[in-house]
Amino acid sequence: MTTVDPDTAAPPSAERARRRAAGDPVKALLHRHRELCERAVDPLEIAAGLEAHGITDRTAARFRHRDVFSLAEELYARSPRGEEPAAATAPVPAGPSAYRALGCALLPGALAAAAAAAGQAWAGPAAVAATVAALVWPGRAAGGRFPWLAHLLAAAVAGWAAYRYGTALAVGLALAVAPGHLLAAAFAAGARARLDGSRALEDFADRARPLLFASVAGFTAAAVGATALAGAPLPVAVPLALLLFLTRLLLRHGSRRGPVAAALALALVPVPAAAPAAAAVLLVHAVLALSRASAHARP
């Protein structure tokens, strides 16, 4: 009677599948990210999703590809689809929701300025509340274990600054909400257009950074005008406004709240250089985070 050594026996189906996966490593990755690959409308959307899951060009080399985009192209080509993806649609005119959002952005500054001009005692607190409320408008969910921490710290930063420097500073921050809304929307639209037109993740990052710097520069100029209009001290109000604008951008694009909360906590340190330092730190983080395609992929 012939005995069969279990170590030399024919491999079971699971072992055969493992060997096939070893010969075709992309197949296992396709199975792991099946939902992402099947709903993607182009390879770059898959690349952005892979990037969000921590897959880098070095990781792609293990799958026999030169970079993440090349890997995403193969995943896109091999993904089963029930129907052809819809073609990219042309930009549509702004609808009622866009006009409502613009009206909501104009409201904080208008109310704060009117209350301050009327000499109302509640003008400062109302301006702070309206400014912070602009940070929690609907958007992509940011990561982190404590979703309320960044908003609470933003309220503390704006409230403490208004308490130290007066109602004029709070009004200046409220007036900066409207240009912040417009520039944030323009940045989001521009980044998405660049994402759709890019052919690699590095290509997108190189095209997104100038757009971010232009948005920051435009907002800084608008914040100077809003602060001057309110009569607030420029060296204090402008860095605070920029800090809140960057907070808005990062939270709207799904950035993790930890770095945002750390920068806001730094701004609470009672020294004059705290707010400019916090804004500079958050700008560095924004350049890194918002240059990633995954920050602009379709939710």
Protein backbone atom coordinates (compact mmCIF):
# COMPACT_ATOMS: atom_id res chain seq x y z
CA MET A 1 0.00 0.00 0.00
CA THR A 2 1.38 3.38 -0.96
CA THR A 3 1.28 6.15 1.60
CA VAL A 4 1.07 9.80 0.72
CA ASP A 5 3.25 12.21 2.57
CA PRO A 6 1.09 15.22 3.55
CA ASP A 7 4.03 17.55 2.87
CA THR A 8 4.25 16.34 -0.74
CA ALA A 9 0.56 15.87 -1.40
CA ALA A 10 -1.11 17.88 -4.13
CA PRO A 11 -2.00 21.31 -2.80
CA PRO A 12 -5.67 21.98 -1.98
CA SER A 13 -7.69 24.62 -3.75
CA ALA A 14 -6.64 27.30 -1.28
CA GLU A 15 -2.98 26.53 -1.92
CA ARG A 16 -3.53 26.62 -5.68
CA ALA A 17 -5.24 29.98 -5.33
CA ARG A 18 -2.33 31.23 -3.29
CA ARG A 19 0.12 30.15 -5.93
CA ARG A 20 -1.94 31.82 -8.65
CA ALA A 21 -1.99 35.00 -6.60
CA ALA A 22 1.78 34.80 -6.23
CA GLY A 23 2.07 34.62 -10.01
CA ASP A 24 -0.48 37.43 -10.43
CA PRO A 25 -0.07 39.79 -7.44
CA VAL A 26 -2.38 42.42 -8.92
CA LYS A 27 -5.31 40.02 -8.72
CA ALA A 28 -5.21 39.96 -4.93
CA LEU A 29 -5.04 43.76 -4.83
CA LEU A 30 -7.98 43.95 -7.22
CA HIS A 31 -10.02 41.71 -4.93
CA ARG A 32 -9.05 43.77 -1.87
CA HIS A 33 -10.12 47.05 -3.49
CA ARG A 34 -12.91 45.69 -5.67
CA GLU A 35 -15.50 48.32 -4.74
CA LEU A 36 -13.09 51.20 -5.42
CA CYS A 37 -12.05 49.76 -8.78
CA GLU A 38 -15.58 48.96 -9.98
CA ARG A 39 -17.06 52.39 -9.21
CA ALA A 40 -14.10 54.43 -10.50
CA VAL A 41 -14.70 56.47 -13.63
CA ASP A 42 -11.01 56.70 -14.56
CA PRO A 43 -7.66 55.21 -13.52
CA LEU A 44 -6.61 58.29 -11.57
CA GLU A 45 -9.57 57.88 -9.25
CA ILE A 46 -8.28 54.40 -8.42
CA ALA A 47 -4.79 55.86 -7.95
CA ALA A 48 -6.18 58.43 -5.53
CA GLY A 49 -7.99 55.72 -3.59
CA LEU A 50 -4.86 53.56 -3.42
CA GLU A 51 -2.90 56.55 -2.23
CA ALA A 52 -5.46 57.13 0.51
CA HIS A 53 -4.89 53.53 1.64
CA GLY A 54 -1.16 54.14 1.96
CA ILE A 55 0.00 52.56 -1.32
CA THR A 56 3.04 54.43 -2.67
CA ASP A 57 5.24 54.10 -5.75
CA ARG A 58 7.53 51.88 -3.71
CA THR A 59 4.58 49.63 -2.89
CA ALA A 60 3.59 49.59 -6.56
CA ALA A 61 7.03 48.21 -7.44
CA ARG A 62 6.14 45.04 -5.51
CA PHE A 63 3.26 44.62 -7.96
CA ARG A 64 5.66 44.98 -10.91
CA HIS A 65 4.66 48.56 -11.75
CA ARG A 66 6.78 51.68 -11.94
CA ASP A 67 4.33 53.86 -9.96
CA VAL A 68 0.85 53.96 -8.43
CA PHE A 69 -0.77 55.34 -11.56
CA SER A 70 0.56 52.53 -13.72
CA LEU A 71 -0.80 50.05 -11.19
CA ALA A 72 -4.15 51.89 -11.17
CA GLU A 73 -4.37 51.67 -14.94
CA GLU A 74 -4.10 47.89 -14.81
CA LEU A 75 -6.65 47.66 -12.00
CA TYR A 76 -9.03 49.87 -14.00
CA ALA A 77 -8.59 47.76 -17.13
CA ARG A 78 -9.19 44.52 -15.24
CA SER A 79 -12.17 45.67 -13.18
CA PRO A 80 -15.51 44.15 -14.23
CA ARG A 81 -18.23 46.67 -14.95
CA GLY A 82 -21.85 46.17 -15.77
CA GLU A 83 -21.88 49.22 -17.97
CA GLU A 84 -19.47 51.70 -19.44
CA PRO A 85 -18.60 54.58 -17.10
CA ALA A 86 -20.32 57.82 -17.86
CA ALA A 87 -18.32 60.34 -19.81
CA ALA A 88 -17.06 63.37 -17.99
CA THR A 89 -19.78 65.97 -17.87
CA ALA A 90 -19.26 69.59 -18.77
CA PRO A 91 -19.33 72.13 -15.95
CA VAL A 92 -22.88 73.11 -15.10
CA PRO A 93 -24.00 76.58 -14.08
CA ALA A 94 -24.28 77.31 -10.38
CA GLY A 95 -27.60 76.14 -9.03
CA PRO A 96 -29.77 77.25 -6.11
CA SER A 97 -27.63 75.38 -3.58
CA ALA A 98 -24.55 77.33 -4.65
CA TYR A 99 -26.39 80.62 -4.25
CA ARG A 100 -27.70 79.56 -0.84
CA ALA A 101 -24.16 78.67 0.23
CA LEU A 102 -22.91 82.06 -0.94
CA GLY A 103 -25.72 83.78 0.96
CA CYS A 104 -24.81 81.87 4.11
CA ALA A 105 -21.19 82.92 3.65
CA LEU A 106 -22.15 86.59 3.30
CA LEU A 107 -24.46 86.51 6.32
CA PRO A 108 -21.86 86.34 9.17
CA GLY A 109 -19.98 89.42 8.03
CA ALA A 110 -23.14 91.40 7.31
CA LEU A 111 -24.71 90.63 10.70
CA ALA A 112 -21.48 91.22 12.61
CA ALA A 113 -20.78 94.53 10.87
CA ALA A 114 -24.37 95.71 11.37
CA ALA A 115 -24.38 94.75 15.05
CA ALA A 116 -21.02 96.44 15.64
CA ALA A 117 -22.16 99.58 13.83
CA ALA A 118 -25.30 99.65 16.01
CA GLY A 119 -23.16 99.35 19.14
CA GLN A 120 -24.66 96.02 20.22
CA ALA A 121 -22.79 94.30 23.05
CA TRP A 122 -23.34 90.88 21.51
CA ALA A 123 -21.66 91.78 18.21
CA GLY A 124 -18.32 90.19 19.18
CA PRO A 125 -19.67 86.85 20.44
CA ALA A 126 -22.07 86.64 17.49
CA ALA A 127 -19.23 87.24 15.04
CA VAL A 128 -17.13 84.53 16.68
CA ALA A 129 -20.03 82.06 16.60
CA ALA A 130 -20.77 82.81 12.95
CA THR A 131 -17.11 82.47 11.97
CA VAL A 132 -16.72 79.09 13.65
CA ALA A 133 -20.05 77.89 12.24
CA ALA A 134 -18.57 78.36 8.77
CA LEU A 135 -16.05 75.64 9.59
CA VAL A 136 -18.69 73.01 10.25
CA TRP A 137 -20.74 73.41 7.09
CA PRO A 138 -21.32 70.12 5.29
CA GLY A 139 -18.29 68.68 3.57
CA ARG A 140 -16.19 65.55 3.44
CA ALA A 141 -15.76 63.90 6.81
CA ALA A 142 -12.30 64.43 8.27
CA GLY A 143 -10.47 61.59 9.93
CA GLY A 144 -9.70 61.30 13.62
CA ARG A 145 -11.12 59.91 16.83
CA PHE A 146 -12.49 63.20 18.17
CA PRO A 147 -14.54 64.90 15.42
CA TRP A 148 -15.46 67.88 17.60
CA LEU A 149 -11.97 68.76 18.81
CA ALA A 150 -10.88 70.96 15.90
CA HIS A 151 -14.13 72.94 15.94
CA LEU A 152 -13.96 73.44 19.72
CA LEU A 153 -10.37 74.66 19.47
CA ALA A 154 -11.28 76.97 16.58
CA ALA A 155 -14.02 78.51 18.74
CA ALA A 156 -11.55 78.92 21.60
CA VAL A 157 -8.97 80.58 19.32
CA ALA A 158 -11.45 83.05 17.81
CA GLY A 159 -13.15 83.76 21.14
CA TRP A 160 -9.89 84.32 23.02
CA ALA A 161 -8.61 86.65 20.30
CA ALA A 162 -11.86 88.64 20.31
CA TYR A 163 -11.71 88.90 24.10
CA ARG A 164 -8.11 90.20 24.01
CA TYR A 165 -8.35 92.54 21.03
CA GLY A 166 -11.99 93.58 20.95
CA THR A 167 -15.06 93.33 18.77
CA ALA A 168 -13.34 94.77 15.70
CA LEU A 169 -11.17 91.67 15.38
CA ALA A 170 -14.19 89.35 15.59
CA VAL A 171 -15.97 91.41 12.94
CA GLY A 172 -12.90 91.24 10.70
CA LEU A 173 -12.86 87.44 10.97
CA ALA A 174 -16.57 87.31 10.15
CA LEU A 175 -16.10 89.53 7.11
CA ALA A 176 -13.40 87.18 5.85
CA VAL A 177 -15.84 84.24 5.78
CA ALA A 178 -17.31 85.19 2.39
CA PRO A 179 -14.02 85.44 0.45
CA GLY A 180 -12.89 82.30 2.26
CA HIS A 181 -15.96 80.45 1.01
CA LEU A 182 -15.44 81.60 -2.58
CA LEU A 183 -11.74 80.78 -2.62
CA ALA A 184 -12.28 77.39 -0.99
CA ALA A 185 -14.90 76.53 -3.61
CA ALA A 186 -12.62 77.74 -6.41
CA PHE A 187 -9.73 75.69 -5.04
CA ALA A 188 -11.88 72.55 -4.80
CA ALA A 189 -13.15 72.97 -8.37
CA GLY A 190 -9.71 73.75 -9.73
CA ALA A 191 -8.09 70.82 -7.95
CA ARG A 192 -10.76 68.44 -9.21
CA ALA A 193 -10.24 69.70 -12.77
CA ARG A 194 -6.50 69.15 -12.42
CA LEU A 195 -7.11 65.70 -11.02
CA ASP A 196 -9.26 64.78 -14.02
CA GLY A 197 -6.60 66.08 -16.39
CA SER A 198 -3.54 64.54 -14.74
CA ARG A 199 -1.79 61.37 -15.84
CA ALA A 200 0.14 60.60 -12.65
CA LEU A 201 0.00 61.40 -8.95
CA GLU A 202 3.20 63.45 -9.06
CA ASP A 203 1.83 65.33 -12.05
CA PHE A 204 -1.26 66.21 -10.05
CA ALA A 205 0.78 67.30 -7.00
CA ASP A 206 2.91 69.61 -9.18
CA ARG A 207 -0.24 71.19 -10.59
CA ALA A 208 -2.14 71.41 -7.30
CA ARG A 209 0.50 73.21 -5.22
CA PRO A 210 0.46 76.46 -7.26
CA LEU A 211 -3.32 76.46 -7.06
CA LEU A 212 -3.15 76.14 -3.27
CA PHE A 213 -0.59 78.94 -2.99
CA ALA A 214 -2.74 81.15 -5.21
CA SER A 215 -5.79 80.46 -3.02
CA VAL A 216 -3.84 81.25 0.15
CA ALA A 217 -2.43 84.44 -1.36
CA GLY A 218 -5.87 85.51 -2.54
CA PHE A 219 -7.39 84.88 0.87
CA THR A 220 -4.57 86.72 2.63
CA ALA A 221 -5.26 89.78 0.48
CA ALA A 222 -9.00 89.48 1.20
CA ALA A 223 -8.32 89.09 4.93
CA VAL A 224 -6.22 92.26 4.89
CA GLY A 225 -9.12 94.13 3.29
CA ALA A 226 -11.70 92.69 5.71
CA THR A 227 -9.50 93.48 8.71
CA ALA A 228 -8.86 97.03 7.55
CA LEU A 229 -12.57 97.53 6.96
CA ALA A 230 -13.35 96.37 10.49
CA GLY A 231 -10.56 98.45 12.01
CA ALA A 232 -8.82 95.46 13.62
CA PRO A 233 -5.04 95.16 14.10
CA LEU A 234 -3.59 93.57 10.95
CA PRO A 235 -0.68 91.64 12.57
CA VAL A 236 -3.14 89.80 14.81
CA ALA A 237 -6.24 89.39 12.65
CA VAL A 238 -4.68 88.30 9.35
CA PRO A 239 -2.76 85.27 10.74
CA LEU A 240 -5.86 84.20 12.65
CA ALA A 241 -8.03 84.52 9.55
CA LEU A 242 -5.49 82.51 7.54
CA LEU A 243 -5.37 79.86 10.25
CA LEU A 244 -9.15 79.46 10.14
CA PHE A 245 -9.15 79.42 6.31
CA LEU A 246 -6.59 76.61 6.23
CA THR A 247 -8.61 74.78 8.88
CA ARG A 248 -11.65 75.05 6.65
CA LEU A 249 -9.78 73.75 3.61
CA LEU A 250 -8.30 70.78 5.43
CA LEU A 251 -11.52 69.74 7.14
CA ARG A 252 -13.51 70.06 3.91
CA HIS A 253 -11.04 67.81 2.09
CA GLY A 254 -11.03 65.04 4.64
CA SER A 255 -7.72 65.79 6.35
CA ARG A 256 -7.11 64.20 9.72
CA ARG A 257 -8.04 66.47 12.61
CA GLY A 258 -4.92 65.79 14.68
CA PRO A 259 -2.53 68.22 12.90
CA VAL A 260 -5.32 70.79 12.57
CA ALA A 261 -6.10 70.59 16.30
CA ALA A 262 -2.39 70.85 17.17
CA ALA A 263 -2.01 74.05 15.13
CA LEU A 264 -5.13 75.57 16.69
CA ALA A 265 -3.86 74.66 20.17
CA LEU A 266 -0.56 76.40 19.34
CA ALA A 267 -2.49 79.57 18.50
CA LEU A 268 -3.88 79.62 22.05
CA VAL A 269 -0.42 80.18 23.54
CA PRO A 270 -0.55 83.76 24.93
CA VAL A 271 2.40 85.19 22.98
CA PRO A 272 2.19 87.47 19.90
CA ALA A 273 4.02 85.03 17.63
CA ALA A 274 1.69 82.11 18.39
CA ALA A 275 -0.92 82.78 15.69
CA PRO A 276 1.58 83.41 12.85
CA ALA A 277 3.52 80.30 13.87
CA ALA A 278 0.34 78.21 13.96
CA ALA A 279 -0.70 79.48 10.53
CA ALA A 280 2.75 78.67 9.12
CA VAL A 281 2.68 75.15 10.59
CA LEU A 282 -0.79 74.50 9.20
CA LEU A 283 0.22 75.86 5.79
CA VAL A 284 3.06 73.34 5.61
CA HIS A 285 0.64 70.56 6.52
CA ALA A 286 -1.88 71.82 3.95
CA VAL A 287 0.73 71.80 1.17
CA LEU A 288 1.47 68.15 1.96
CA ALA A 289 -2.13 67.02 2.52
CA LEU A 290 -3.89 68.93 -0.25
CA SER A 291 -1.30 67.97 -2.87
CA ARG A 292 -2.47 64.37 -2.54
CA ALA A 293 -4.95 63.20 -5.13
CA SER A 294 -6.90 61.32 -2.45
CA ALA A 295 -7.89 64.68 -0.88
CA HIS A 296 -9.84 65.54 -4.04
CA ALA A 297 -11.18 62.20 -5.17
CA ARG A 298 -14.92 61.81 -5.48
CA PRO A 299 -16.38 60.78 -2.09
